[in-house]
Amino acid sequence: MLEIMEGQAAAALADLRAILADVIKETLP
């Protein structure tokens, strides 16, 4: 069970980092 939660947390972090990267690309000139 703990492994599943860790996997979900890692996936959520990866999604957040991807979204942040897109936002940064859009805001930079």
Protein backbone atom coordinates (compact mmCIF):
# COMPACT_ATOMS: atom_id res chain seq x y z
CA MET A 1 0.00 0.00 0.00
CA LEU A 2 2.78 2.42 0.86
CA GLU A 3 4.48 1.66 -2.46
CA ILE A 4 1.30 2.54 -4.34
CA MET A 5 1.03 5.87 -2.52
CA GLU A 6 4.67 6.64 -3.27
CA GLY A 7 4.08 5.86 -6.95
CA GLN A 8 1.08 8.17 -7.04
CA ALA A 9 3.05 10.94 -5.33
CA ALA A 10 5.90 10.55 -7.82
CA ALA A 11 3.46 10.70 -10.73
CA ALA A 12 1.79 13.81 -9.30
CA LEU A 13 5.19 15.48 -8.86
CA ALA A 14 6.14 14.64 -12.45
CA ASP A 15 2.87 16.17 -13.68
CA LEU A 16 3.44 19.31 -11.62
CA ARG A 17 6.98 19.68 -12.93
CA ALA A 18 5.75 19.29 -16.52
CA ILE A 19 3.06 21.92 -15.96
CA LEU A 20 5.56 24.29 -14.35
CA ALA A 21 7.96 23.82 -17.27
CA ASP A 22 5.17 24.70 -19.73
CA VAL A 23 4.21 27.80 -17.72
CA ILE A 24 7.83 28.96 -17.57
CA LYS A 25 8.23 28.50 -21.33
CA GLU A 26 5.09 30.56 -21.93
CA THR A 27 6.13 33.40 -19.63
CA LEU A 28 9.71 33.71 -20.84
CA PRO A 29 10.21 35.88 -23.94
